[in-house]
Amino acid sequence: MENADWSVKPVAVPGESAVAGWCDAPYLADAYAIRLPLDASIDTEQLSRFLFSHQPSWVARLMSVRDTVVARFGIKTAKQLRRSSGASGEGRVDIFKIYQRASHEIILGEDDKHLDFRVSVLRQMRNEAAGEYPYLVLSTVVHCHNRLGRVYITLIAPFHRMVVESTLRRAGRLGWPTAAKL
């Protein structure tokens, strides 16, 4: 069954998420939710891998520009992050290190000299007037270490939001993996 509603909604970072209390005073904390089809996979790692491997093509071009700029400041590039995972790719989902796995959530992220961030991919049931439906909630929490981190987040925050919303919407249009597609 394909999800006919590809709308992405900004939501509060869910209190049940491991990133909700990850740092005392996050510089950025946001979350976006999209309704999943009833037959969507319940495996958050599988959903994460699908999500980040099917990003819109303009995201790769944007990351290339980002990498060119940040390399001058000694910030890790996407190429460096992918290379750090080794040949197997275990322990990472695309450029993100896996920090924690639970039955309903996977925590991804990275630590660098300017900031640390965590991304939660949470599968959650939400009550609506027509019943209970599965949602995927993508939350990002950022802790800045210094001025470089604060400037960086201030500059990329609008792009971050566009990337998250567009990535979730694209995954919905493509059709989420189902338990049968394992």
N, C-alpha and C. Protein backbone atom coordinates (compact mmCIF):
# COMPACT_ATOMS: atom_id res chain seq x y z
N MET A 1 0.85 -1.18 0.00
CA MET A 1 0.00 0.00 0.00
C MET A 1 0.88 1.23 0.00
N GLU A 2 0.65 2.15 -0.87
CA GLU A 2 1.45 3.36 -0.96
C GLU A 2 0.80 4.48 -0.17
N ASN A 3 1.63 5.32 0.42
CA ASN A 3 1.16 6.44 1.21
C ASN A 3 0.70 7.55 0.28
N ALA A 4 -0.57 7.89 0.32
CA ALA A 4 -1.09 8.92 -0.57
C ALA A 4 -0.88 10.32 0.00
N ASP A 5 -0.57 10.42 1.28
CA ASP A 5 -0.36 11.72 1.91
C ASP A 5 1.13 11.91 2.14
N TRP A 6 1.76 12.73 1.31
CA TRP A 6 3.18 12.97 1.42
C TRP A 6 3.49 14.27 2.15
N SER A 7 2.52 14.79 2.86
CA SER A 7 2.77 16.05 3.55
C SER A 7 3.69 15.83 4.74
N VAL A 8 4.60 16.74 4.89
CA VAL A 8 5.57 16.72 5.98
C VAL A 8 5.20 17.86 6.91
N LYS A 9 5.09 17.55 8.20
CA LYS A 9 4.66 18.55 9.17
C LYS A 9 5.75 18.78 10.21
N PRO A 10 6.05 20.06 10.50
CA PRO A 10 6.95 20.31 11.61
C PRO A 10 6.24 19.94 12.91
N VAL A 11 6.95 19.27 13.80
CA VAL A 11 6.39 18.84 15.09
C VAL A 11 7.44 19.11 16.17
N ALA A 12 7.03 19.00 17.41
CA ALA A 12 7.99 19.10 18.51
C ALA A 12 8.83 17.83 18.54
N VAL A 13 10.07 17.96 19.00
CA VAL A 13 10.90 16.77 19.18
C VAL A 13 10.16 15.88 20.19
N PRO A 14 9.83 14.65 19.80
CA PRO A 14 9.05 13.78 20.69
C PRO A 14 9.77 13.52 22.02
N GLY A 15 9.05 13.65 23.11
CA GLY A 15 9.62 13.41 24.42
C GLY A 15 10.13 11.99 24.60
N GLU A 16 9.56 11.04 23.85
CA GLU A 16 9.99 9.64 23.95
C GLU A 16 11.29 9.37 23.21
N SER A 17 11.75 10.34 22.41
CA SER A 17 12.98 10.15 21.64
C SER A 17 14.21 10.30 22.53
N ALA A 18 15.22 9.51 22.24
CA ALA A 18 16.47 9.58 22.99
C ALA A 18 17.19 10.91 22.78
N VAL A 19 16.88 11.64 21.71
CA VAL A 19 17.54 12.93 21.49
C VAL A 19 16.87 14.07 22.25
N ALA A 20 15.68 13.83 22.79
CA ALA A 20 14.95 14.90 23.49
C ALA A 20 15.74 15.46 24.67
N GLY A 21 16.46 14.63 25.37
CA GLY A 21 17.25 15.10 26.50
C GLY A 21 18.74 14.95 26.30
N TRP A 22 19.14 14.85 25.04
CA TRP A 22 20.55 14.58 24.73
C TRP A 22 21.49 15.68 25.22
N CYS A 23 21.10 16.94 25.08
CA CYS A 23 21.94 18.02 25.59
C CYS A 23 21.04 19.06 26.27
N ASP A 24 21.62 19.76 27.23
CA ASP A 24 20.84 20.70 28.05
C ASP A 24 20.29 21.89 27.27
N ALA A 25 21.12 22.50 26.45
CA ALA A 25 20.70 23.71 25.75
C ALA A 25 21.08 23.59 24.27
N PRO A 26 20.27 22.86 23.50
CA PRO A 26 20.61 22.71 22.07
C PRO A 26 20.54 24.04 21.33
N TYR A 27 21.44 24.20 20.38
CA TYR A 27 21.43 25.41 19.56
C TYR A 27 20.35 25.29 18.48
N LEU A 28 20.09 24.07 18.07
CA LEU A 28 19.02 23.80 17.11
C LEU A 28 18.36 22.49 17.53
N ALA A 29 17.06 22.48 17.54
CA ALA A 29 16.29 21.26 17.80
C ALA A 29 15.02 21.36 16.98
N ASP A 30 14.86 20.45 16.02
CA ASP A 30 13.65 20.46 15.23
C ASP A 30 13.25 19.03 14.88
N ALA A 31 12.02 18.90 14.46
CA ALA A 31 11.50 17.58 14.10
C ALA A 31 10.43 17.74 13.02
N TYR A 32 10.37 16.74 12.14
CA TYR A 32 9.40 16.71 11.05
C TYR A 32 8.80 15.32 10.98
N ALA A 33 7.51 15.25 10.72
CA ALA A 33 6.81 13.97 10.70
C ALA A 33 6.11 13.77 9.36
N ILE A 34 6.08 12.51 8.94
CA ILE A 34 5.34 12.11 7.75
C ILE A 34 4.60 10.81 8.08
N ARG A 35 3.39 10.73 7.61
CA ARG A 35 2.61 9.52 7.85
C ARG A 35 3.13 8.41 6.96
N LEU A 36 3.26 7.23 7.55
CA LEU A 36 3.70 6.04 6.82
C LEU A 36 2.50 5.22 6.40
N PRO A 37 2.63 4.44 5.35
CA PRO A 37 1.56 3.50 5.01
C PRO A 37 1.46 2.45 6.13
N LEU A 38 0.30 1.86 6.25
CA LEU A 38 0.08 0.86 7.31
C LEU A 38 1.02 -0.33 7.19
N ASP A 39 1.43 -0.66 5.97
CA ASP A 39 2.30 -1.82 5.77
C ASP A 39 3.78 -1.47 5.71
N ALA A 40 4.14 -0.26 6.10
CA ALA A 40 5.55 0.15 6.08
C ALA A 40 6.36 -0.66 7.08
N SER A 41 7.60 -0.84 6.77
CA SER A 41 8.51 -1.57 7.65
C SER A 41 8.52 -0.93 9.04
N ILE A 42 8.73 -1.76 10.04
CA ILE A 42 8.88 -1.23 11.40
C ILE A 42 10.35 -1.13 11.79
N ASP A 43 11.25 -1.50 10.89
CA ASP A 43 12.69 -1.49 11.13
C ASP A 43 13.23 -0.08 10.86
N THR A 44 13.56 0.65 11.92
CA THR A 44 13.99 2.04 11.74
C THR A 44 15.33 2.16 11.02
N GLU A 45 16.18 1.16 11.16
CA GLU A 45 17.44 1.22 10.41
C GLU A 45 17.16 1.08 8.91
N GLN A 46 16.29 0.17 8.56
CA GLN A 46 15.92 0.00 7.15
C GLN A 46 15.27 1.28 6.62
N LEU A 47 14.38 1.88 7.39
CA LEU A 47 13.74 3.12 6.97
C LEU A 47 14.77 4.24 6.82
N SER A 48 15.74 4.29 7.73
CA SER A 48 16.80 5.30 7.66
C SER A 48 17.64 5.13 6.41
N ARG A 49 18.05 3.90 6.16
CA ARG A 49 18.88 3.64 4.97
C ARG A 49 18.12 4.00 3.69
N PHE A 50 16.84 3.68 3.65
CA PHE A 50 16.03 4.04 2.50
C PHE A 50 15.95 5.56 2.36
N LEU A 51 15.66 6.22 3.45
CA LEU A 51 15.50 7.67 3.47
C LEU A 51 16.75 8.38 2.95
N PHE A 52 17.91 8.03 3.49
CA PHE A 52 19.13 8.75 3.14
C PHE A 52 19.76 8.28 1.83
N SER A 53 19.34 7.14 1.30
CA SER A 53 19.87 6.71 0.01
C SER A 53 18.99 7.17 -1.16
N HIS A 54 17.87 7.80 -0.86
CA HIS A 54 16.97 8.28 -1.91
C HIS A 54 16.73 9.79 -1.83
N GLN A 55 17.73 10.52 -1.41
CA GLN A 55 17.56 11.96 -1.32
C GLN A 55 17.47 12.58 -2.72
N PRO A 56 16.80 13.71 -2.82
CA PRO A 56 16.73 14.41 -4.11
C PRO A 56 18.14 14.73 -4.63
N SER A 57 18.30 14.77 -5.94
CA SER A 57 19.63 14.99 -6.52
C SER A 57 20.22 16.35 -6.15
N TRP A 58 19.38 17.34 -5.92
CA TRP A 58 19.91 18.65 -5.56
C TRP A 58 20.59 18.63 -4.20
N VAL A 59 20.26 17.67 -3.36
CA VAL A 59 20.89 17.57 -2.03
C VAL A 59 22.37 17.21 -2.20
N ALA A 60 22.68 16.30 -3.13
CA ALA A 60 24.08 15.94 -3.38
C ALA A 60 24.87 17.14 -3.88
N ARG A 61 24.25 17.94 -4.74
CA ARG A 61 24.94 19.14 -5.23
C ARG A 61 25.16 20.14 -4.10
N LEU A 62 24.18 20.29 -3.24
CA LEU A 62 24.29 21.19 -2.09
C LEU A 62 25.38 20.70 -1.13
N MET A 63 25.45 19.39 -0.91
CA MET A 63 26.49 18.83 -0.04
C MET A 63 27.88 19.04 -0.63
N SER A 64 27.99 18.99 -1.94
CA SER A 64 29.27 19.23 -2.60
C SER A 64 29.74 20.66 -2.35
N VAL A 65 28.82 21.60 -2.47
CA VAL A 65 29.16 23.01 -2.18
C VAL A 65 29.55 23.15 -0.72
N ARG A 66 28.77 22.54 0.17
CA ARG A 66 29.06 22.59 1.61
C ARG A 66 30.45 22.05 1.89
N ASP A 67 30.78 20.89 1.30
CA ASP A 67 32.07 20.27 1.54
C ASP A 67 33.23 21.15 1.08
N THR A 68 33.06 21.80 -0.05
CA THR A 68 34.10 22.68 -0.57
C THR A 68 34.37 23.82 0.41
N VAL A 69 33.31 24.37 0.97
CA VAL A 69 33.46 25.50 1.91
C VAL A 69 34.01 25.03 3.25
N VAL A 70 33.43 23.99 3.84
CA VAL A 70 33.81 23.59 5.21
C VAL A 70 35.20 22.97 5.29
N ALA A 71 35.68 22.38 4.21
CA ALA A 71 37.02 21.79 4.22
C ALA A 71 38.07 22.83 4.57
N ARG A 72 37.84 24.06 4.19
CA ARG A 72 38.78 25.16 4.48
C ARG A 72 38.86 25.48 5.98
N PHE A 73 37.84 25.06 6.72
CA PHE A 73 37.79 25.33 8.15
C PHE A 73 38.12 24.09 8.99
N GLY A 74 38.52 23.01 8.33
CA GLY A 74 38.87 21.79 9.03
C GLY A 74 37.68 20.98 9.51
N ILE A 75 36.50 21.27 8.98
CA ILE A 75 35.29 20.53 9.34
C ILE A 75 35.21 19.29 8.45
N LYS A 76 34.76 18.20 9.02
CA LYS A 76 34.67 16.94 8.28
C LYS A 76 33.75 17.08 7.06
N THR A 77 34.19 16.53 5.93
CA THR A 77 33.38 16.53 4.72
C THR A 77 32.61 15.21 4.63
N ALA A 78 31.61 15.19 3.78
CA ALA A 78 30.82 13.96 3.59
C ALA A 78 31.72 12.84 3.10
N LYS A 79 32.65 13.14 2.24
CA LYS A 79 33.57 12.12 1.71
C LYS A 79 34.40 11.52 2.85
N GLN A 80 34.89 12.37 3.75
CA GLN A 80 35.67 11.88 4.90
C GLN A 80 34.81 11.00 5.80
N LEU A 81 33.57 11.41 6.01
CA LEU A 81 32.68 10.64 6.88
C LEU A 81 32.37 9.27 6.27
N ARG A 82 32.10 9.23 4.99
CA ARG A 82 31.82 7.95 4.34
C ARG A 82 33.04 7.04 4.39
N ARG A 83 34.21 7.62 4.18
CA ARG A 83 35.45 6.85 4.19
C ARG A 83 35.74 6.29 5.59
N SER A 84 35.34 7.00 6.62
CA SER A 84 35.63 6.56 7.99
C SER A 84 34.84 5.31 8.38
N SER A 85 33.84 4.96 7.59
CA SER A 85 33.03 3.78 7.92
C SER A 85 33.72 2.48 7.51
N GLY A 86 34.79 2.56 6.74
CA GLY A 86 35.48 1.35 6.31
C GLY A 86 34.76 0.71 5.13
N ALA A 87 35.26 -0.39 4.70
CA ALA A 87 34.73 -1.07 3.52
C ALA A 87 33.34 -1.64 3.75
N SER A 88 33.04 -2.06 4.97
CA SER A 88 31.76 -2.74 5.22
C SER A 88 30.59 -1.78 5.32
N GLY A 89 30.83 -0.55 5.74
CA GLY A 89 29.73 0.39 5.94
C GLY A 89 28.98 0.15 7.23
N GLU A 90 29.40 -0.87 8.00
CA GLU A 90 28.73 -1.15 9.27
C GLU A 90 28.98 -0.01 10.24
N GLY A 91 27.99 0.25 11.04
CA GLY A 91 28.11 1.30 12.03
C GLY A 91 27.75 2.67 11.52
N ARG A 92 27.34 2.75 10.25
CA ARG A 92 26.96 4.04 9.67
C ARG A 92 25.73 3.86 8.80
N VAL A 93 24.98 4.94 8.69
CA VAL A 93 23.90 5.06 7.70
C VAL A 93 24.28 6.29 6.89
N ASP A 94 24.72 6.06 5.68
CA ASP A 94 25.23 7.09 4.80
C ASP A 94 26.38 7.81 5.52
N ILE A 95 26.30 9.10 5.73
CA ILE A 95 27.40 9.83 6.38
C ILE A 95 27.29 9.83 7.90
N PHE A 96 26.24 9.25 8.44
CA PHE A 96 25.96 9.33 9.87
C PHE A 96 26.42 8.10 10.64
N LYS A 97 27.09 8.33 11.74
CA LYS A 97 27.47 7.25 12.66
C LYS A 97 26.23 6.80 13.41
N ILE A 98 26.09 5.50 13.62
CA ILE A 98 24.98 4.97 14.42
C ILE A 98 25.41 5.00 15.89
N TYR A 99 24.64 5.70 16.70
CA TYR A 99 24.94 5.80 18.13
C TYR A 99 24.08 4.86 18.97
N GLN A 100 22.87 4.61 18.53
CA GLN A 100 21.97 3.81 19.35
C GLN A 100 20.88 3.21 18.47
N ARG A 101 20.48 2.00 18.82
CA ARG A 101 19.36 1.34 18.13
C ARG A 101 18.36 0.89 19.19
N ALA A 102 17.10 1.08 18.90
CA ALA A 102 16.02 0.58 19.75
C ALA A 102 14.96 0.02 18.80
N SER A 103 13.95 -0.62 19.34
CA SER A 103 12.94 -1.24 18.48
C SER A 103 12.18 -0.22 17.64
N HIS A 104 12.06 1.00 18.11
CA HIS A 104 11.25 2.01 17.43
C HIS A 104 12.06 3.24 16.99
N GLU A 105 13.38 3.23 17.23
CA GLU A 105 14.18 4.43 16.96
C GLU A 105 15.63 4.06 16.70
N ILE A 106 16.26 4.83 15.81
CA ILE A 106 17.71 4.74 15.62
C ILE A 106 18.25 6.16 15.78
N ILE A 107 19.37 6.26 16.47
CA ILE A 107 20.01 7.56 16.69
C ILE A 107 21.29 7.60 15.88
N LEU A 108 21.39 8.60 15.02
CA LEU A 108 22.53 8.80 14.14
C LEU A 108 23.16 10.13 14.50
N GLY A 109 24.35 10.40 14.00
CA GLY A 109 24.94 11.71 14.23
C GLY A 109 26.42 11.73 13.95
N GLU A 110 27.04 12.76 14.49
CA GLU A 110 28.48 12.94 14.32
C GLU A 110 28.94 13.98 15.34
N ASP A 111 30.20 13.84 15.74
CA ASP A 111 30.84 14.81 16.61
C ASP A 111 31.99 15.43 15.83
N ASP A 112 32.15 16.74 15.96
CA ASP A 112 33.24 17.44 15.29
C ASP A 112 33.70 18.55 16.21
N LYS A 113 34.74 19.26 15.80
CA LYS A 113 35.30 20.28 16.68
C LYS A 113 34.38 21.48 16.87
N HIS A 114 33.52 21.74 15.92
CA HIS A 114 32.65 22.92 15.99
C HIS A 114 31.29 22.62 16.61
N LEU A 115 30.82 21.38 16.43
CA LEU A 115 29.52 21.00 16.98
C LEU A 115 29.36 19.49 16.99
N ASP A 116 28.39 19.03 17.77
CA ASP A 116 27.95 17.64 17.77
C ASP A 116 26.47 17.66 17.42
N PHE A 117 26.02 16.65 16.70
CA PHE A 117 24.59 16.59 16.41
C PHE A 117 24.11 15.15 16.46
N ARG A 118 22.82 15.02 16.72
CA ARG A 118 22.17 13.72 16.71
C ARG A 118 20.90 13.83 15.88
N VAL A 119 20.63 12.77 15.14
CA VAL A 119 19.43 12.66 14.33
C VAL A 119 18.67 11.43 14.82
N SER A 120 17.43 11.62 15.15
CA SER A 120 16.57 10.51 15.55
C SER A 120 15.65 10.17 14.39
N VAL A 121 15.58 8.90 14.06
CA VAL A 121 14.59 8.40 13.12
C VAL A 121 13.68 7.51 13.97
N LEU A 122 12.51 8.04 14.26
CA LEU A 122 11.58 7.42 15.20
C LEU A 122 10.31 7.00 14.49
N ARG A 123 9.94 5.75 14.67
CA ARG A 123 8.65 5.27 14.15
C ARG A 123 7.69 5.29 15.32
N GLN A 124 6.59 6.01 15.13
CA GLN A 124 5.67 6.24 16.23
C GLN A 124 4.23 6.12 15.74
N MET A 125 3.38 5.63 16.60
CA MET A 125 1.95 5.57 16.30
C MET A 125 1.30 6.85 16.83
N ARG A 126 0.46 7.46 16.00
CA ARG A 126 -0.24 8.69 16.40
C ARG A 126 -1.73 8.49 16.20
N ASN A 127 -2.48 8.99 17.16
CA ASN A 127 -3.94 8.91 17.08
C ASN A 127 -4.47 10.07 16.25
N GLU A 128 -5.38 9.74 15.36
CA GLU A 128 -6.07 10.73 14.54
C GLU A 128 -7.55 10.43 14.62
N ALA A 129 -8.36 11.30 14.10
CA ALA A 129 -9.82 11.11 14.15
C ALA A 129 -10.24 9.79 13.51
N ALA A 130 -9.54 9.38 12.45
CA ALA A 130 -9.91 8.16 11.73
C ALA A 130 -9.23 6.90 12.29
N GLY A 131 -8.41 7.06 13.33
CA GLY A 131 -7.75 5.90 13.92
C GLY A 131 -6.30 6.16 14.23
N GLU A 132 -5.56 5.09 14.47
CA GLU A 132 -4.15 5.18 14.81
C GLU A 132 -3.31 4.85 13.57
N TYR A 133 -2.31 5.69 13.31
CA TYR A 133 -1.49 5.53 12.11
C TYR A 133 0.00 5.64 12.45
N PRO A 134 0.83 4.91 11.69
CA PRO A 134 2.27 5.01 11.90
C PRO A 134 2.83 6.29 11.26
N TYR A 135 3.77 6.90 11.95
CA TYR A 135 4.47 8.08 11.45
C TYR A 135 5.96 7.86 11.59
N LEU A 136 6.69 8.52 10.72
CA LEU A 136 8.14 8.57 10.86
C LEU A 136 8.46 10.01 11.26
N VAL A 137 9.16 10.15 12.36
CA VAL A 137 9.54 11.47 12.86
C VAL A 137 11.06 11.57 12.80
N LEU A 138 11.53 12.56 12.06
CA LEU A 138 12.96 12.81 11.90
C LEU A 138 13.29 14.04 12.73
N SER A 139 14.06 13.84 13.80
CA SER A 139 14.42 14.94 14.70
C SER A 139 15.91 15.18 14.63
N THR A 140 16.30 16.45 14.72
CA THR A 140 17.70 16.84 14.74
C THR A 140 17.95 17.71 15.95
N VAL A 141 19.01 17.40 16.69
CA VAL A 141 19.41 18.20 17.84
C VAL A 141 20.89 18.51 17.70
N VAL A 142 21.26 19.79 17.85
CA VAL A 142 22.63 20.23 17.63
C VAL A 142 23.15 20.94 18.88
N HIS A 143 24.35 20.54 19.28
CA HIS A 143 25.06 21.21 20.38
C HIS A 143 26.31 21.85 19.79
N CYS A 144 26.42 23.16 19.89
CA CYS A 144 27.58 23.88 19.36
C CYS A 144 28.66 24.02 20.43
N HIS A 145 29.92 23.88 20.00
CA HIS A 145 31.05 24.02 20.93
C HIS A 145 31.65 25.41 20.94
N ASN A 146 31.45 26.14 19.85
CA ASN A 146 32.16 27.42 19.73
C ASN A 146 31.45 28.32 18.70
N ARG A 147 32.05 29.45 18.44
CA ARG A 147 31.46 30.41 17.50
C ARG A 147 31.34 29.83 16.10
N LEU A 148 32.34 29.06 15.67
CA LEU A 148 32.28 28.43 14.35
C LEU A 148 31.03 27.56 14.24
N GLY A 149 30.74 26.79 15.26
CA GLY A 149 29.55 25.94 15.26
C GLY A 149 28.27 26.75 15.18
N ARG A 150 28.20 27.83 15.94
CA ARG A 150 26.99 28.67 15.94
C ARG A 150 26.79 29.36 14.58
N VAL A 151 27.88 29.86 14.01
CA VAL A 151 27.79 30.50 12.69
C VAL A 151 27.39 29.47 11.64
N TYR A 152 28.01 28.30 11.70
CA TYR A 152 27.71 27.23 10.75
C TYR A 152 26.22 26.88 10.79
N ILE A 153 25.68 26.62 11.98
CA ILE A 153 24.27 26.24 12.09
C ILE A 153 23.36 27.37 11.65
N THR A 154 23.69 28.59 11.99
CA THR A 154 22.87 29.72 11.56
C THR A 154 22.80 29.79 10.04
N LEU A 155 23.93 29.53 9.38
CA LEU A 155 23.95 29.59 7.92
C LEU A 155 23.25 28.41 7.26
N ILE A 156 23.39 27.23 7.83
CA ILE A 156 22.81 26.06 7.15
C ILE A 156 21.40 25.70 7.59
N ALA A 157 20.92 26.26 8.68
CA ALA A 157 19.59 25.89 9.21
C ALA A 157 18.48 25.95 8.16
N PRO A 158 18.38 27.03 7.36
CA PRO A 158 17.31 27.04 6.35
C PRO A 158 17.45 25.91 5.32
N PHE A 159 18.69 25.60 4.95
CA PHE A 159 18.93 24.50 4.00
C PHE A 159 18.62 23.16 4.65
N HIS A 160 19.00 23.03 5.91
CA HIS A 160 18.72 21.81 6.67
C HIS A 160 17.23 21.49 6.64
N ARG A 161 16.42 22.50 6.92
CA ARG A 161 14.96 22.30 6.94
C ARG A 161 14.44 21.88 5.56
N MET A 162 14.93 22.53 4.52
CA MET A 162 14.51 22.17 3.16
C MET A 162 14.92 20.74 2.81
N VAL A 163 16.13 20.35 3.20
CA VAL A 163 16.62 19.01 2.92
C VAL A 163 15.78 17.97 3.64
N VAL A 164 15.51 18.19 4.94
CA VAL A 164 14.73 17.22 5.72
C VAL A 164 13.33 17.06 5.12
N GLU A 165 12.65 18.18 4.89
CA GLU A 165 11.28 18.10 4.36
C GLU A 165 11.26 17.44 2.99
N SER A 166 12.18 17.83 2.12
CA SER A 166 12.22 17.29 0.77
C SER A 166 12.57 15.80 0.77
N THR A 167 13.48 15.40 1.64
CA THR A 167 13.88 14.00 1.73
C THR A 167 12.72 13.13 2.21
N LEU A 168 12.02 13.58 3.23
CA LEU A 168 10.86 12.83 3.72
C LEU A 168 9.77 12.74 2.65
N ARG A 169 9.50 13.86 1.99
CA ARG A 169 8.46 13.88 0.96
C ARG A 169 8.82 12.95 -0.20
N ARG A 170 10.08 12.97 -0.61
CA ARG A 170 10.52 12.10 -1.71
C ARG A 170 10.38 10.63 -1.34
N ALA A 171 10.77 10.28 -0.13
CA ALA A 171 10.66 8.89 0.32
C ALA A 171 9.20 8.45 0.30
N GLY A 172 8.29 9.34 0.71
CA GLY A 172 6.87 9.01 0.66
C GLY A 172 6.39 8.79 -0.76
N ARG A 173 6.83 9.63 -1.68
CA ARG A 173 6.42 9.47 -3.08
C ARG A 173 6.97 8.19 -3.68
N LEU A 174 8.20 7.84 -3.32
CA LEU A 174 8.82 6.62 -3.86
C LEU A 174 8.15 5.36 -3.31
N GLY A 175 7.64 5.45 -2.12
CA GLY A 175 7.02 4.29 -1.48
C GLY A 175 7.96 3.65 -0.49
N TRP A 176 7.61 3.75 0.77
CA TRP A 176 8.44 3.24 1.85
C TRP A 176 8.62 1.73 1.75
N PRO A 177 9.76 1.23 2.24
CA PRO A 177 9.91 -0.23 2.27
C PRO A 177 8.87 -0.86 3.18
N THR A 178 8.44 -2.03 2.81
CA THR A 178 7.44 -2.75 3.62
C THR A 178 8.10 -3.97 4.23
N ALA A 179 7.40 -4.57 5.17
CA ALA A 179 7.92 -5.78 5.80
C ALA A 179 8.15 -6.87 4.75
N ALA A 180 7.33 -6.89 3.71
CA ALA A 180 7.47 -7.90 2.65
C ALA A 180 8.71 -7.67 1.81
N LYS A 181 9.26 -6.42 1.79
CA LYS A 181 10.43 -6.10 0.98
C LYS A 181 11.74 -6.31 1.72
N LEU A 182 11.69 -6.94 2.89
CA LEU A 182 12.91 -7.19 3.65
C LEU A 182 13.74 -8.19 2.90
